[in-house]
């Protein structure tokens, strides 16, 4: 992405000039920006002082570093199982049948109960 030809401090000065009562069209003409750019700057930096912008820039840089650090830590950690994934159903094995009951079934007799 292309960087701005105006620093944030310069943008604040342009906005202060517009707030001082100079018509927006005149401010745009003096500084060579479109009215859309002026209003976009006003939405982002309106009411800020230069010190506020510097503080905001420091916070954005710190946030970027923290996100990078978090991403690196996430890549190094082992993958976690999906908590919402359905577990496979477990079927209990049937109890082993004794040789006597198997022999009785083969001969057509009922196995002894009890």
C-alpha atoms as a PDB file:
ATOM      1  CA  UNK A   1       0.000   0.000   0.000  1.00  0.00           C
ATOM      2  CA  UNK A   2       1.267   3.446  -0.876  1.00  0.00           C
ATOM      3  CA  UNK A   3       2.195   5.737   1.986  1.00  0.00           C
ATOM      4  CA  UNK A   4       0.742   9.193   2.458  1.00  0.00           C
ATOM      5  CA  UNK A   5       2.641  12.204   1.216  1.00  0.00           C
ATOM      6  CA  UNK A   6       1.535  13.983   4.374  1.00  0.00           C
ATOM      7  CA  UNK A   7       2.741  13.067   7.830  1.00  0.00           C
ATOM      8  CA  UNK A   8       0.173  12.781  10.581  1.00  0.00           C
ATOM      9  CA  UNK A   9       1.434  16.040  12.071  1.00  0.00           C
ATOM     10  CA  UNK A  10       0.880  17.805   8.749  1.00  0.00           C
ATOM     11  CA  UNK A  11      -2.619  16.329   8.517  1.00  0.00           C
ATOM     12  CA  UNK A  12      -3.421  17.706  11.988  1.00  0.00           C
ATOM     13  CA  UNK A  13      -2.218  21.164  10.915  1.00  0.00           C
ATOM     14  CA  UNK A  14      -4.413  21.038   7.783  1.00  0.00           C
ATOM     15  CA  UNK A  15      -7.429  20.041   9.895  1.00  0.00           C
ATOM     16  CA  UNK A  16      -6.724  22.812  12.392  1.00  0.00           C
ATOM     17  CA  UNK A  17      -6.643  25.256   9.503  1.00  0.00           C
ATOM     18  CA  UNK A  18     -10.040  23.967   8.340  1.00  0.00           C
ATOM     19  CA  UNK A  19     -11.430  24.259  11.885  1.00  0.00           C
ATOM     20  CA  UNK A  20     -10.174  27.842  12.137  1.00  0.00           C
ATOM     21  CA  UNK A  21     -12.846  28.914   9.690  1.00  0.00           C
ATOM     22  CA  UNK A  22     -11.181  28.537   6.278  1.00  0.00           C
ATOM     23  CA  UNK A  23     -13.577  26.995   3.759  1.00  0.00           C
ATOM     24  CA  UNK A  24     -12.869  23.301   3.095  1.00  0.00           C
ATOM     25  CA  UNK A  25     -12.627  23.927  -0.652  1.00  0.00           C
ATOM     26  CA  UNK A  26      -9.910  26.538  -0.050  1.00  0.00           C
ATOM     27  CA  UNK A  27      -7.979  24.239   2.333  1.00  0.00           C
ATOM     28  CA  UNK A  28      -8.113  21.457  -0.261  1.00  0.00           C
ATOM     29  CA  UNK A  29      -6.857  23.772  -3.002  1.00  0.00           C
ATOM     30  CA  UNK A  30      -3.948  25.071  -0.872  1.00  0.00           C
ATOM     31  CA  UNK A  31      -2.725  21.622   0.074  1.00  0.00           C
ATOM     32  CA  UNK A  32      -3.586  19.769  -3.106  1.00  0.00           C
ATOM     33  CA  UNK A  33      -5.993  17.224  -1.641  1.00  0.00           C
ATOM     34  CA  UNK A  34      -9.515  16.253  -2.601  1.00  0.00           C
ATOM     35  CA  UNK A  35     -12.504  17.071  -0.395  1.00  0.00           C
ATOM     36  CA  UNK A  36     -12.962  13.328   0.177  1.00  0.00           C
ATOM     37  CA  UNK A  37      -9.443  13.092   1.564  1.00  0.00           C
ATOM     38  CA  UNK A  38     -10.074  16.058   3.853  1.00  0.00           C
ATOM     39  CA  UNK A  39     -13.250  14.495   5.254  1.00  0.00           C
ATOM     40  CA  UNK A  40     -11.554  11.082   5.645  1.00  0.00           C
ATOM     41  CA  UNK A  41      -8.757  12.762   7.631  1.00  0.00           C
ATOM     42  CA  UNK A  42     -11.380  14.581   9.671  1.00  0.00           C
ATOM     43  CA  UNK A  43     -13.088  11.267  10.501  1.00  0.00           C
ATOM     44  CA  UNK A  44      -9.812   9.669  11.574  1.00  0.00           C
ATOM     45  CA  UNK A  45      -7.951  12.568  13.205  1.00  0.00           C
ATOM     46  CA  UNK A  46     -10.735  15.057  14.024  1.00  0.00           C
ATOM     47  CA  UNK A  47     -10.264  16.693  17.422  1.00  0.00           C
ATOM     48  CA  UNK A  48      -6.780  15.237  17.970  1.00  0.00           C
ATOM     49  CA  UNK A  49      -3.633  17.108  18.790  1.00  0.00           C
ATOM     50  CA  UNK A  50      -0.175  16.182  17.508  1.00  0.00           C
ATOM     51  CA  UNK A  51       0.660  14.504  20.831  1.00  0.00           C
ATOM     52  CA  UNK A  52      -2.487  12.350  20.528  1.00  0.00           C
ATOM     53  CA  UNK A  53      -1.455  11.198  17.065  1.00  0.00           C
ATOM     54  CA  UNK A  54       2.037  10.270  18.268  1.00  0.00           C
ATOM     55  CA  UNK A  55       0.541   8.283  21.141  1.00  0.00           C
ATOM     56  CA  UNK A  56      -1.871   6.545  18.757  1.00  0.00           C
ATOM     57  CA  UNK A  57       1.023   5.625  16.430  1.00  0.00           C
ATOM     58  CA  UNK A  58       3.029   4.151  19.346  1.00  0.00           C
ATOM     59  CA  UNK A  59       0.022   2.109  20.448  1.00  0.00           C
ATOM     60  CA  UNK A  60      -0.546   0.818  16.902  1.00  0.00           C
ATOM     61  CA  UNK A  61       3.116  -0.237  16.639  1.00  0.00           C
ATOM     62  CA  UNK A  62       2.956  -1.975  20.014  1.00  0.00           C
ATOM     63  CA  UNK A  63      -0.251  -3.735  19.009  1.00  0.00           C
ATOM     64  CA  UNK A  64       1.381  -4.918  15.774  1.00  0.00           C
ATOM     65  CA  UNK A  65       4.344  -6.367  17.697  1.00  0.00           C
ATOM     66  CA  UNK A  66       2.054  -8.122  20.172  1.00  0.00           C
ATOM     67  CA  UNK A  67       0.036  -9.668  17.341  1.00  0.00           C
ATOM     68  CA  UNK A  68       3.239 -10.915  15.680  1.00  0.00           C
ATOM     69  CA  UNK A  69       4.434 -12.366  18.988  1.00  0.00           C
ATOM     70  CA  UNK A  70       1.089 -14.080  19.537  1.00  0.00           C
ATOM     71  CA  UNK A  71       1.169 -15.525  16.003  1.00  0.00           C
ATOM     72  CA  UNK A  72       4.681 -16.918  16.556  1.00  0.00           C
ATOM     73  CA  UNK A  73       3.632 -18.485  19.858  1.00  0.00           C
ATOM     74  CA  UNK A  74       0.557 -19.986  18.207  1.00  0.00           C
ATOM     75  CA  UNK A  75       2.653 -21.533  15.425  1.00  0.00           C
ATOM     76  CA  UNK A  76       5.020 -23.149  17.951  1.00  0.00           C
ATOM     77  CA  UNK A  77       2.321 -24.684  20.141  1.00  0.00           C
ATOM     78  CA  UNK A  78       0.930 -28.155  19.360  1.00  0.00           C
ATOM     79  CA  UNK A  79      -2.492 -28.200  17.740  1.00  0.00           C
ATOM     80  CA  UNK A  80      -5.413 -28.382  20.132  1.00  0.00           C
ATOM     81  CA  UNK A  81      -8.253 -30.832  19.490  1.00  0.00           C
ATOM     82  CA  UNK A  82     -11.448 -29.358  18.192  1.00  0.00           C
ATOM     83  CA  UNK A  83     -13.687 -29.036  21.234  1.00  0.00           C
ATOM     84  CA  UNK A  84     -16.857 -29.098  19.163  1.00  0.00           C
ATOM     85  CA  UNK A  85     -15.945 -32.107  17.072  1.00  0.00           C
ATOM     86  CA  UNK A  86     -18.182 -35.085  17.671  1.00  0.00           C
ATOM     87  CA  UNK A  87     -16.473 -37.971  19.364  1.00  0.00           C
ATOM     88  CA  UNK A  88     -16.861 -41.404  17.771  1.00  0.00           C
ATOM     89  CA  UNK A  89     -19.393 -43.587  19.535  1.00  0.00           C
ATOM     90  CA  UNK A  90     -17.913 -46.376  21.599  1.00  0.00           C
ATOM     91  CA  UNK A  91     -19.586 -49.775  21.541  1.00  0.00           C
ATOM     92  CA  UNK A  92     -19.021 -52.171  24.370  1.00  0.00           C
ATOM     93  CA  UNK A  93     -17.823 -55.590  23.312  1.00  0.00           C
ATOM     94  CA  UNK A  94     -20.212 -58.415  24.044  1.00  0.00           C
ATOM     95  CA  UNK A  95     -19.183 -60.694  26.918  1.00  0.00           C
ATOM     96  CA  UNK A  96     -17.353 -63.833  25.829  1.00  0.00           C
ATOM     97  CA  UNK A  97     -19.547 -66.879  25.692  1.00  0.00           C
ATOM     98  CA  UNK A  98     -18.468 -70.011  27.459  1.00  0.00           C
ATOM     99  CA  UNK A  99     -17.639 -73.179  25.573  1.00  0.00           C
ATOM    100  CA  UNK A 100     -20.578 -74.971  27.188  1.00  0.00           C
ATOM    101  CA  UNK A 101     -23.130 -72.480  25.936  1.00  0.00           C
ATOM    102  CA  UNK A 102     -21.641 -72.533  22.460  1.00  0.00           C
ATOM    103  CA  UNK A 103     -21.776 -76.358  22.412  1.00  0.00           C
ATOM    104  CA  UNK A 104     -25.368 -76.294  23.639  1.00  0.00           C
ATOM    105  CA  UNK A 105     -26.366 -73.891  20.884  1.00  0.00           C
ATOM    106  CA  UNK A 106     -24.846 -76.193  18.314  1.00  0.00           C
ATOM    107  CA  UNK A 107     -26.824 -79.177  19.608  1.00  0.00           C
ATOM    108  CA  UNK A 108     -30.075 -77.227  19.774  1.00  0.00           C
ATOM    109  CA  UNK A 109     -30.320 -77.223  23.587  1.00  0.00           C
ATOM    110  CA  UNK A 110     -30.835 -74.110  25.626  1.00  0.00           C
ATOM    111  CA  UNK A 111     -27.815 -73.042  27.707  1.00  0.00           C
ATOM    112  CA  UNK A 112     -28.241 -73.361  31.468  1.00  0.00           C
ATOM    113  CA  UNK A 113     -29.618 -70.227  33.119  1.00  0.00           C
ATOM    114  CA  UNK A 114     -28.071 -68.895  36.174  1.00  0.00           C
END
